[in-house]
Amino acid sequence: PFASAIRARMSVTSDIVCAASRGVASTWVRTASTSAPI
């Protein structure tokens, strides 16, 4: 369940990147664990 949704989230982010190109930058941050401090 989680993997299917997070993969889709990456796809949505990529599409937003292209659509929101007017002055908006976007970054996808992959973490090994969502509880690990960055």
Full PDB file with SEQRES, HELIX, SHEET, SSBOND, CRYST1, ORIGX, SCALE, CONECT and MASTER records, all heavy atoms in Angstrom:
SEQRES   1 A   38  PRO PHE ALA SER ALA ILE ARG ALA ARG MET SER VAL THR          
SEQRES   2 A   38  SER ASP ILE VAL CYS ALA ALA SER ARG GLY VAL ALA SER          
SEQRES   3 A   38  THR TRP VAL ARG THR ALA SER THR SER ALA PRO ILE              
HELIX    1 AA1 PHE A    2  ALA A   19  1                                  18    
CRYST1    1.000    1.000    1.000  90.00  90.00  90.00 P 1           1          
ORIGX1      1.000000  0.000000  0.000000        0.00000                         
ORIGX2      0.000000  1.000000  0.000000        0.00000                         
ORIGX3      0.000000  0.000000  1.000000        0.00000                         
SCALE1      1.000000  0.000000  0.000000        0.00000                         
SCALE2      0.000000  1.000000  0.000000        0.00000                         
SCALE3      0.000000  0.000000  1.000000        0.00000                         
ATOM      1  N   PRO A   1       0.815  -1.223   0.000  1.00  0.00           N  
ATOM      2  CA  PRO A   1       0.000   0.000   0.000  1.00  0.00           C  
ATOM      3  C   PRO A   1       0.847   1.271   0.000  1.00  0.00           C  
ATOM      4  O   PRO A   1       0.602   2.189  -0.788  1.00  0.00           O  
ATOM      5  CB  PRO A   1      -0.825  -0.125   1.288  1.00  0.00           C  
ATOM      6  CG  PRO A   1      -0.876  -1.592   1.552  1.00  0.00           C  
ATOM      7  CD  PRO A   1       0.472  -2.104   1.146  1.00  0.00           C  
ATOM      8  N   PHE A   2       1.856   1.295   0.870  1.00  0.00           N  
ATOM      9  CA  PHE A   2       2.691   2.492   0.973  1.00  0.00           C  
ATOM     10  C   PHE A   2       3.499   2.720  -0.301  1.00  0.00           C  
ATOM     11  O   PHE A   2       3.564   3.828  -0.830  1.00  0.00           O  
ATOM     12  CB  PHE A   2       3.632   2.375   2.168  1.00  0.00           C  
ATOM     13  CG  PHE A   2       4.620   3.504   2.279  1.00  0.00           C  
ATOM     14  CD1 PHE A   2       4.210   4.760   2.698  1.00  0.00           C  
ATOM     15  CD2 PHE A   2       5.956   3.315   1.955  1.00  0.00           C  
ATOM     16  CE1 PHE A   2       5.111   5.813   2.788  1.00  0.00           C  
ATOM     17  CE2 PHE A   2       6.867   4.357   2.037  1.00  0.00           C  
ATOM     18  CZ  PHE A   2       6.442   5.607   2.454  1.00  0.00           C  
ATOM     19  N   ALA A   3       4.152   1.655  -0.796  1.00  0.00           N  
ATOM     20  CA  ALA A   3       5.013   1.792  -1.967  1.00  0.00           C  
ATOM     21  C   ALA A   3       4.240   2.263  -3.190  1.00  0.00           C  
ATOM     22  O   ALA A   3       4.713   3.108  -3.957  1.00  0.00           O  
ATOM     23  CB  ALA A   3       5.714   0.471  -2.263  1.00  0.00           C  
ATOM     24  N   SER A   4       3.046   1.741  -3.391  1.00  0.00           N  
ATOM     25  CA  SER A   4       2.267   2.149  -4.559  1.00  0.00           C  
ATOM     26  C   SER A   4       1.905   3.627  -4.479  1.00  0.00           C  
ATOM     27  O   SER A   4       1.921   4.343  -5.488  1.00  0.00           O  
ATOM     28  CB  SER A   4       0.994   1.304  -4.660  1.00  0.00           C  
ATOM     29  OG  SER A   4       0.113   1.555  -3.576  1.00  0.00           O  
ATOM     30  N   ALA A   5       1.583   4.104  -3.283  1.00  0.00           N  
ATOM     31  CA  ALA A   5       1.185   5.500  -3.106  1.00  0.00           C  
ATOM     32  C   ALA A   5       2.381   6.443  -3.214  1.00  0.00           C  
ATOM     33  O   ALA A   5       2.284   7.529  -3.789  1.00  0.00           O  
ATOM     34  CB  ALA A   5       0.490   5.681  -1.761  1.00  0.00           C  
ATOM     35  N   ILE A   6       3.535   6.042  -2.652  1.00  0.00           N  
ATOM     36  CA  ILE A   6       4.699   6.929  -2.673  1.00  0.00           C  
ATOM     37  C   ILE A   6       5.287   7.011  -4.073  1.00  0.00           C  
ATOM     38  O   ILE A   6       5.844   8.028  -4.474  1.00  0.00           O  
ATOM     39  CB  ILE A   6       5.759   6.470  -1.634  1.00  0.00           C  
ATOM     40  CG1 ILE A   6       6.630   7.663  -1.189  1.00  0.00           C  
ATOM     41  CG2 ILE A   6       6.618   5.354  -2.156  1.00  0.00           C  
ATOM     42  CD1 ILE A   6       5.946   8.614  -0.265  1.00  0.00           C  
ATOM     43  N   ARG A   7       5.151   5.926  -4.850  1.00  0.00           N  
ATOM     44  CA  ARG A   7       5.577   5.994  -6.253  1.00  0.00           C  
ATOM     45  C   ARG A   7       4.695   6.962  -7.027  1.00  0.00           C  
ATOM     46  O   ARG A   7       5.179   7.751  -7.847  1.00  0.00           O  
ATOM     47  CB  ARG A   7       5.498   4.609  -6.887  1.00  0.00           C  
ATOM     48  CG  ARG A   7       6.603   3.661  -6.473  1.00  0.00           C  
ATOM     49  CD  ARG A   7       6.462   2.349  -7.219  1.00  0.00           C  
ATOM     50  NE  ARG A   7       7.395   1.345  -6.728  1.00  0.00           N  
ATOM     51  CZ  ARG A   7       7.490   0.119  -7.214  1.00  0.00           C  
ATOM     52  NH1 ARG A   7       6.690  -0.251  -8.205  1.00  0.00           N  
ATOM     53  NH2 ARG A   7       8.367  -0.733  -6.734  1.00  0.00           N  
ATOM     54  N   ALA A   8       3.398   6.893  -6.780  1.00  0.00           N  
ATOM     55  CA  ALA A   8       2.473   7.813  -7.435  1.00  0.00           C  
ATOM     56  C   ALA A   8       2.767   9.247  -7.014  1.00  0.00           C  
ATOM     57  O   ALA A   8       2.660  10.181  -7.812  1.00  0.00           O  
ATOM     58  CB  ALA A   8       1.031   7.444  -7.105  1.00  0.00           C  
ATOM     59  N   ARG A   9       3.143   9.426  -5.761  1.00  0.00           N  
ATOM     60  CA  ARG A   9       3.488  10.758  -5.258  1.00  0.00           C  
ATOM     61  C   ARG A   9       4.684  11.332  -6.023  1.00  0.00           C  
ATOM     62  O   ARG A   9       4.714  12.522  -6.348  1.00  0.00           O  
ATOM     63  CB  ARG A   9       3.796  10.666  -3.766  1.00  0.00           C  
ATOM     64  CG  ARG A   9       4.313  11.943  -3.131  1.00  0.00           C  
ATOM     65  CD  ARG A   9       3.915  11.947  -1.689  1.00  0.00           C  
ATOM     66  NE  ARG A   9       4.958  12.294  -0.766  1.00  0.00           N  
ATOM     67  CZ  ARG A   9       4.787  12.324   0.543  1.00  0.00           C  
ATOM     68  NH1 ARG A   9       3.623  11.962   1.063  1.00  0.00           N  
ATOM     69  NH2 ARG A   9       5.758  12.660   1.363  1.00  0.00           N  
ATOM     70  N   MET A  10       5.665  10.482  -6.305  1.00  0.00           N  
ATOM     71  CA  MET A  10       6.814  10.941  -7.076  1.00  0.00           C  
ATOM     72  C   MET A  10       6.380  11.350  -8.485  1.00  0.00           C  
ATOM     73  O   MET A  10       6.854  12.354  -9.017  1.00  0.00           O  
ATOM     74  CB  MET A  10       7.880   9.847  -7.146  1.00  0.00           C  
ATOM     75  CG  MET A  10       9.142  10.278  -7.885  1.00  0.00           C  
ATOM     76  SD  MET A  10      10.504   9.109  -7.736  1.00  0.00           S  
ATOM     77  CE  MET A  10       9.831   7.718  -8.660  1.00  0.00           C  
ATOM     78  N   SER A  11       5.471  10.585  -9.059  1.00  0.00           N  
ATOM     79  CA  SER A  11       4.977  10.910 -10.392  1.00  0.00           C  
ATOM     80  C   SER A  11       4.219  12.234 -10.386  1.00  0.00           C  
ATOM     81  O   SER A  11       4.398  13.070 -11.286  1.00  0.00           O  
ATOM     82  CB  SER A  11       4.071   9.788 -10.900  1.00  0.00           C  
ATOM     83  OG  SER A  11       3.550  10.095 -12.168  1.00  0.00           O  
ATOM     84  N   VAL A  12       3.381  12.442  -9.361  1.00  0.00           N  
ATOM     85  CA  VAL A  12       2.639  13.696  -9.245  1.00  0.00           C  
ATOM     86  C   VAL A  12       3.611  14.865  -9.109  1.00  0.00           C  
ATOM     87  O   VAL A  12       3.442  15.917  -9.737  1.00  0.00           O  
ATOM     88  CB  VAL A  12       1.671  13.650  -8.048  1.00  0.00           C  
ATOM     89  CG1 VAL A  12       1.103  15.037  -7.756  1.00  0.00           C  
ATOM     90  CG2 VAL A  12       0.533  12.678  -8.321  1.00  0.00           C  
ATOM     91  N   THR A  13       4.654  14.670  -8.301  1.00  0.00           N  
ATOM     92  CA  THR A  13       5.652  15.721  -8.118  1.00  0.00           C  
ATOM     93  C   THR A  13       6.318  16.075  -9.440  1.00  0.00           C  
ATOM     94  O   THR A  13       6.493  17.252  -9.772  1.00  0.00           O  
ATOM     95  CB  THR A  13       6.726  15.273  -7.110  1.00  0.00           C  
ATOM     96  OG1 THR A  13       6.105  14.938  -5.864  1.00  0.00           O  
ATOM     97  CG2 THR A  13       7.743  16.384  -6.875  1.00  0.00           C  
ATOM     98  N   SER A  14       6.678  15.056 -10.206  1.00  0.00           N  
ATOM     99  CA  SER A  14       7.317  15.285 -11.493  1.00  0.00           C  
ATOM    100  C   SER A  14       6.407  16.072 -12.432  1.00  0.00           C  
ATOM    101  O   SER A  14       6.845  16.992 -13.129  1.00  0.00           O  
ATOM    102  CB  SER A  14       7.697  13.944 -12.128  1.00  0.00           C  
ATOM    103  OG  SER A  14       8.304  14.126 -13.385  1.00  0.00           O  
ATOM    104  N   ASP A  15       5.129  15.728 -12.442  1.00  0.00           N  
ATOM    105  CA  ASP A  15       4.173  16.434 -13.304  1.00  0.00           C  
ATOM    106  C   ASP A  15       3.963  17.874 -12.837  1.00  0.00           C  
ATOM    107  O   ASP A  15       3.843  18.791 -13.653  1.00  0.00           O  
ATOM    108  CB  ASP A  15       2.836  15.704 -13.324  1.00  0.00           C  
ATOM    109  CG  ASP A  15       2.918  14.379 -14.073  1.00  0.00           C  
ATOM    110  OD1 ASP A  15       3.924  14.164 -14.774  1.00  0.00           O  
ATOM    111  OD2 ASP A  15       1.993  13.560 -13.940  1.00  0.00           O  
ATOM    112  N   ILE A  16       3.947  18.073 -11.523  1.00  0.00           N  
ATOM    113  CA  ILE A  16       3.811  19.428 -10.979  1.00  0.00           C  
ATOM    114  C   ILE A  16       5.008  20.273 -11.392  1.00  0.00           C  
ATOM    115  O   ILE A  16       4.877  21.453 -11.734  1.00  0.00           O  
ATOM    116  CB  ILE A  16       3.687  19.389  -9.443  1.00  0.00           C  
ATOM    117  CG1 ILE A  16       2.334  18.804  -9.035  1.00  0.00           C  
ATOM    118  CG2 ILE A  16       3.841  20.798  -8.852  1.00  0.00           C  
ATOM    119  CD1 ILE A  16       2.198  18.542  -7.544  1.00  0.00           C  
ATOM    120  N   VAL A  17       6.193  19.654 -11.379  1.00  0.00           N  
ATOM    121  CA  VAL A  17       7.411  20.350 -11.763  1.00  0.00           C  
ATOM    122  C   VAL A  17       7.250  20.969 -13.142  1.00  0.00           C  
ATOM    123  O   VAL A  17       7.571  22.133 -13.369  1.00  0.00           O  
ATOM    124  CB  VAL A  17       8.611  19.373 -11.765  1.00  0.00           C  
ATOM    125  CG1 VAL A  17       9.808  20.001 -12.456  1.00  0.00           C  
ATOM    126  CG2 VAL A  17       8.986  18.989 -10.350  1.00  0.00           C  
ATOM    127  N   CYS A  18       6.749  20.198 -14.083  1.00  0.00           N  
ATOM    128  CA  CYS A  18       6.591  20.691 -15.454  1.00  0.00           C  
ATOM    129  C   CYS A  18       5.493  21.741 -15.549  1.00  0.00           C  
ATOM    130  O   CYS A  18       5.653  22.770 -16.204  1.00  0.00           O  
ATOM    131  CB  CYS A  18       6.278  19.530 -16.377  1.00  0.00           C  
ATOM    132  SG  CYS A  18       7.575  18.284 -16.464  1.00  0.00           S  
ATOM    133  N   ALA A  19       4.378  21.500 -14.888  1.00  0.00           N  
ATOM    134  CA  ALA A  19       3.233  22.409 -14.993  1.00  0.00           C  
ATOM    135  C   ALA A  19       3.456  23.718 -14.263  1.00  0.00           C  
ATOM    136  O   ALA A  19       2.921  24.757 -14.647  1.00  0.00           O  
ATOM    137  CB  ALA A  19       1.974  21.723 -14.457  1.00  0.00           C  
ATOM    138  N   ALA A  20       4.242  23.670 -13.176  1.00  0.00           N  
ATOM    139  CA  ALA A  20       4.418  24.860 -12.327  1.00  0.00           C  
ATOM    140  C   ALA A  20       5.702  25.602 -12.637  1.00  0.00           C  
ATOM    141  O   ALA A  20       6.237  26.300 -11.801  1.00  0.00           O  
ATOM    142  CB  ALA A  20       4.390  24.442 -10.852  1.00  0.00           C  
ATOM    143  N   SER A  21       6.195  25.468 -13.863  1.00  0.00           N  
ATOM    144  CA  SER A  21       7.524  25.977 -14.187  1.00  0.00           C  
ATOM    145  C   SER A  21       7.660  27.491 -14.111  1.00  0.00           C  
ATOM    146  O   SER A  21       8.770  28.004 -14.116  1.00  0.00           O  
ATOM    147  CB  SER A  21       7.926  25.506 -15.593  1.00  0.00           C  
ATOM    148  OG  SER A  21       6.997  25.960 -16.548  1.00  0.00           O  
ATOM    149  N   ARG A  22       6.552  28.196 -14.035  1.00  0.00           N  
ATOM    150  CA  ARG A  22       6.638  29.659 -13.994  1.00  0.00           C  
ATOM    151  C   ARG A  22       7.122  30.152 -12.638  1.00  0.00           C  
ATOM    152  O   ARG A  22       6.357  30.554 -11.777  1.00  0.00           O  
ATOM    153  CB  ARG A  22       5.279  30.266 -14.327  1.00  0.00           C  
ATOM    154  CG  ARG A  22       4.917  30.186 -15.802  1.00  0.00           C  
ATOM    155  CD  ARG A  22       3.507  30.666 -16.053  1.00  0.00           C  
ATOM    156  NE  ARG A  22       2.514  29.701 -15.608  1.00  0.00           N  
ATOM    157  CZ  ARG A  22       1.204  29.930 -15.575  1.00  0.00           C  
ATOM    158  NH1 ARG A  22       0.736  31.101 -15.926  1.00  0.00           N  
ATOM    159  NH2 ARG A  22       0.369  29.004 -15.188  1.00  0.00           N  
ATOM    160  N   GLY A  23       8.429  30.090 -12.421  1.00  0.00           N  
ATOM    161  CA  GLY A  23       9.022  30.652 -11.218  1.00  0.00           C  
ATOM    162  C   GLY A  23       8.997  29.766 -10.000  1.00  0.00           C  
ATOM    163  O   GLY A  23       9.367  30.196  -8.912  1.00  0.00           O  
ATOM    164  N   VAL A  24       8.566  28.525 -10.121  1.00  0.00           N  
ATOM    165  CA  VAL A  24       8.508  27.627  -8.965  1.00  0.00           C  
ATOM    166  C   VAL A  24       9.484  26.474  -9.167  1.00  0.00           C  
ATOM    167  O   VAL A  24       9.394  25.752 -10.154  1.00  0.00           O  
ATOM    168  CB  VAL A  24       7.088  27.058  -8.753  1.00  0.00           C  
ATOM    169  CG1 VAL A  24       7.050  26.173  -7.507  1.00  0.00           C  
ATOM    170  CG2 VAL A  24       6.082  28.187  -8.629  1.00  0.00           C  
ATOM    171  N   ALA A  25      10.412  26.313  -8.241  1.00  0.00           N  
ATOM    172  CA  ALA A  25      11.339  25.193  -8.292  1.00  0.00           C  
ATOM    173  C   ALA A  25      10.790  24.059  -7.448  1.00  0.00           C  
ATOM    174  O   ALA A  25       9.997  24.280  -6.527  1.00  0.00           O  
ATOM    175  CB  ALA A  25      12.714  25.614  -7.786  1.00  0.00           C  
ATOM    176  N   SER A  26      11.182  22.839  -7.747  1.00  0.00           N  
ATOM    177  CA  SER A  26      10.668  21.692  -7.008  1.00  0.00           C  
ATOM    178  C   SER A  26      11.765  20.679  -6.774  1.00  0.00           C  
ATOM    179  O   SER A  26      12.636  20.476  -7.613  1.00  0.00           O  
ATOM    180  CB  SER A  26       9.515  21.044  -7.779  1.00  0.00           C  
ATOM    181  OG  SER A  26       8.989  19.948  -7.060  1.00  0.00           O  
ATOM    182  N   THR A  27      11.730  20.044  -5.609  1.00  0.00           N  
ATOM    183  CA  THR A  27      12.726  19.047  -5.238  1.00  0.00           C  
ATOM    184  C   THR A  27      12.040  17.821  -4.655  1.00  0.00           C  
ATOM    185  O   THR A  27      11.153  17.937  -3.814  1.00  0.00           O  
ATOM    186  CB  THR A  27      13.706  19.605  -4.176  1.00  0.00           C  
ATOM    187  OG1 THR A  27      14.347  20.760  -4.693  1.00  0.00           O  
ATOM    188  CG2 THR A  27      14.769  18.585  -3.828  1.00  0.00           C  
ATOM    189  N   TRP A  28      12.465  16.651  -5.107  1.00  0.00           N  
ATOM    190  CA  TRP A  28      12.007  15.388  -4.535  1.00  0.00           C  
ATOM    191  C   TRP A  28      13.122  14.875  -3.638  1.00  0.00           C  
ATOM    192  O   TRP A  28      14.246  14.664  -4.090  1.00  0.00           O  
ATOM    193  CB  TRP A  28      11.698  14.377  -5.641  1.00  0.00           C  
ATOM    194  CG  TRP A  28      11.389  12.999  -5.142  1.00  0.00           C  
ATOM    195  CD1 TRP A  28      12.270  11.962  -5.001  1.00  0.00           C  
ATOM    196  CD2 TRP A  28      10.119  12.498  -4.720  1.00  0.00           C  
ATOM    197  NE1 TRP A  28      11.627  10.851  -4.518  1.00  0.00           N  
ATOM    198  CE2 TRP A  28      10.306  11.148  -4.332  1.00  0.00           C  
ATOM    199  CE3 TRP A  28       8.846  13.059  -4.616  1.00  0.00           C  
ATOM    200  CZ2 TRP A  28       9.265  10.356  -3.868  1.00  0.00           C  
ATOM    201  CZ3 TRP A  28       7.822  12.264  -4.148  1.00  0.00           C  
ATOM    202  CH2 TRP A  28       8.018  10.935  -3.779  1.00  0.00           C  
ATOM    203  N   VAL A  29      12.837  14.699  -2.352  1.00  0.00           N  
ATOM    204  CA  VAL A  29      13.845  14.260  -1.396  1.00  0.00           C  
ATOM    205  C   VAL A  29      13.539  12.839  -0.974  1.00  0.00           C  
ATOM    206  O   VAL A  29      12.499  12.572  -0.371  1.00  0.00           O  
ATOM    207  CB  VAL A  29      13.884  15.176  -0.150  1.00  0.00           C  
ATOM    208  CG1 VAL A  29      14.959  14.701   0.814  1.00  0.00           C  
ATOM    209  CG2 VAL A  29      14.137  16.613  -0.559  1.00  0.00           C  
ATOM    210  N   ARG A  30      14.424  11.927  -1.328  1.00  0.00           N  
ATOM    211  CA  ARG A  30      14.229  10.536  -0.933  1.00  0.00           C  
ATOM    212  C   ARG A  30      14.977  10.280   0.365  1.00  0.00           C  
ATOM    213  O   ARG A  30      16.175  10.494   0.463  1.00  0.00           O  
ATOM    214  CB  ARG A  30      14.739   9.575  -2.010  1.00  0.00           C  
ATOM    215  CG  ARG A  30      14.412   8.119  -1.683  1.00  0.00           C  
ATOM    216  CD  ARG A  30      14.906   7.182  -2.758  1.00  0.00           C  
ATOM    217  NE  ARG A  30      16.356   7.104  -2.785  1.00  0.00           N  
ATOM    218  CZ  ARG A  30      17.023   6.200  -3.506  1.00  0.00           C  
ATOM    219  NH1 ARG A  30      16.369   5.351  -4.266  1.00  0.00           N  
ATOM    220  NH2 ARG A  30      18.336   6.173  -3.495  1.00  0.00           N  
ATOM    221  N   THR A  31      14.264   9.798   1.369  1.00  0.00           N  
ATOM    222  CA  THR A  31      14.885   9.482   2.655  1.00  0.00           C  
ATOM    223  C   THR A  31      14.837   7.987   2.882  1.00  0.00           C  
ATOM    224  O   THR A  31      13.892   7.311   2.504  1.00  0.00           O  
ATOM    225  CB  THR A  31      14.162  10.190   3.816  1.00  0.00           C  
ATOM    226  OG1 THR A  31      12.789   9.799   3.816  1.00  0.00           O  
ATOM    227  CG2 THR A  31      14.257  11.692   3.680  1.00  0.00           C  
ATOM    228  N   ALA A  32      15.862   7.469   3.529  1.00  0.00           N  
ATOM    229  CA  ALA A  32      15.894   6.041   3.841  1.00  0.00           C  
ATOM    230  C   ALA A  32      14.875   5.715   4.911  1.00  0.00           C  
ATOM    231  O   ALA A  32      14.344   4.616   4.991  1.00  0.00           O  
ATOM    232  CB  ALA A  32      17.285   5.623   4.294  1.00  0.00           C  
ATOM    233  N   SER A  33      14.601   6.690   5.761  1.00  0.00           N  
ATOM    234  CA  SER A  33      13.609   6.509   6.814  1.00  0.00           C  
ATOM    235  C   SER A  33      12.966   7.852   7.079  1.00  0.00           C  
ATOM    236  O   SER A  33      13.652   8.843   7.280  1.00  0.00           O  
ATOM    237  CB  SER A  33      14.252   5.991   8.108  1.00  0.00           C  
ATOM    238  OG  SER A  33      13.317   6.037   9.169  1.00  0.00           O  
ATOM    239  N   THR A  34      11.642   7.905   7.108  1.00  0.00           N  
ATOM    240  CA  THR A  34      10.961   9.180   7.299  1.00  0.00           C  
ATOM    241  C   THR A  34      11.120   9.704   8.714  1.00  0.00           C  
ATOM    242  O   THR A  34      10.720  10.809   9.015  1.00  0.00           O  
ATOM    243  CB  THR A  34       9.457   9.038   6.992  1.00  0.00           C  
ATOM    244  OG1 THR A  34       8.903   7.976   7.765  1.00  0.00           O  
ATOM    245  CG2 THR A  34       9.234   8.774   5.525  1.00  0.00           C  
ATOM    246  N   SER A  35      11.696   8.918   9.604  1.00  0.00           N  
ATOM    247  CA  SER A  35      11.923   9.409  10.965  1.00  0.00           C  
ATOM    248  C   SER A  35      13.356   9.876  11.161  1.00  0.00           C  
ATOM    249  O   SER A  35      13.732  10.294  12.240  1.00  0.00           O  
ATOM    250  CB  SER A  35      11.618   8.300  11.988  1.00  0.00           C  
ATOM    251  OG  SER A  35      12.486   7.205  11.795  1.00  0.00           O  
ATOM    252  N   ALA A  36      14.192   9.799  10.121  1.00  0.00           N  
ATOM    253  CA  ALA A  36      15.591  10.197  10.243  1.00  0.00           C  
ATOM    254  C   ALA A  36      15.723  11.695  10.034  1.00  0.00           C  
ATOM    255  O   ALA A  36      15.230  12.230   9.044  1.00  0.00           O  
ATOM    256  CB  ALA A  36      16.435   9.451   9.215  1.00  0.00           C  
ATOM    257  N   PRO A  37      16.400  12.416  10.948  1.00  0.00           N  
ATOM    258  CA  PRO A  37      16.577  13.860  10.777  1.00  0.00           C  
ATOM    259  C   PRO A  37      17.383  14.171   9.521  1.00  0.00           C  
ATOM    260  O   PRO A  37      18.271  13.424   9.130  1.00  0.00           O  
ATOM    261  CB  PRO A  37      17.353  14.268  12.039  1.00  0.00           C  
ATOM    262  CG  PRO A  37      17.063  13.191  13.024  1.00  0.00           C  
ATOM    263  CD  PRO A  37      16.947  11.936  12.212  1.00  0.00           C  
ATOM    264  N   ILE A  38      17.081  15.284   8.882  1.00  0.00           N  
ATOM    265  CA  ILE A  38      17.831  15.751   7.730  1.00  0.00           C  
ATOM    266  C   ILE A  38      18.565  17.008   8.170  1.00  0.00           C  
ATOM    267  O   ILE A  38      17.974  18.076   8.267  1.00  0.00           O  
ATOM    268  CB  ILE A  38      16.906  16.047   6.544  1.00  0.00           C  
ATOM    269  CG1 ILE A  38      16.170  14.768   6.156  1.00  0.00           C  
ATOM    270  CG2 ILE A  38      17.672  16.589   5.362  1.00  0.00           C  
ATOM    271  CD1 ILE A  38      15.151  14.986   5.080  1.00  0.00           C  
TER     272      ILE A  38                                                      
MASTER        0    0    0    1    0    0    0    6  271    1    0    3          
END                                                                             
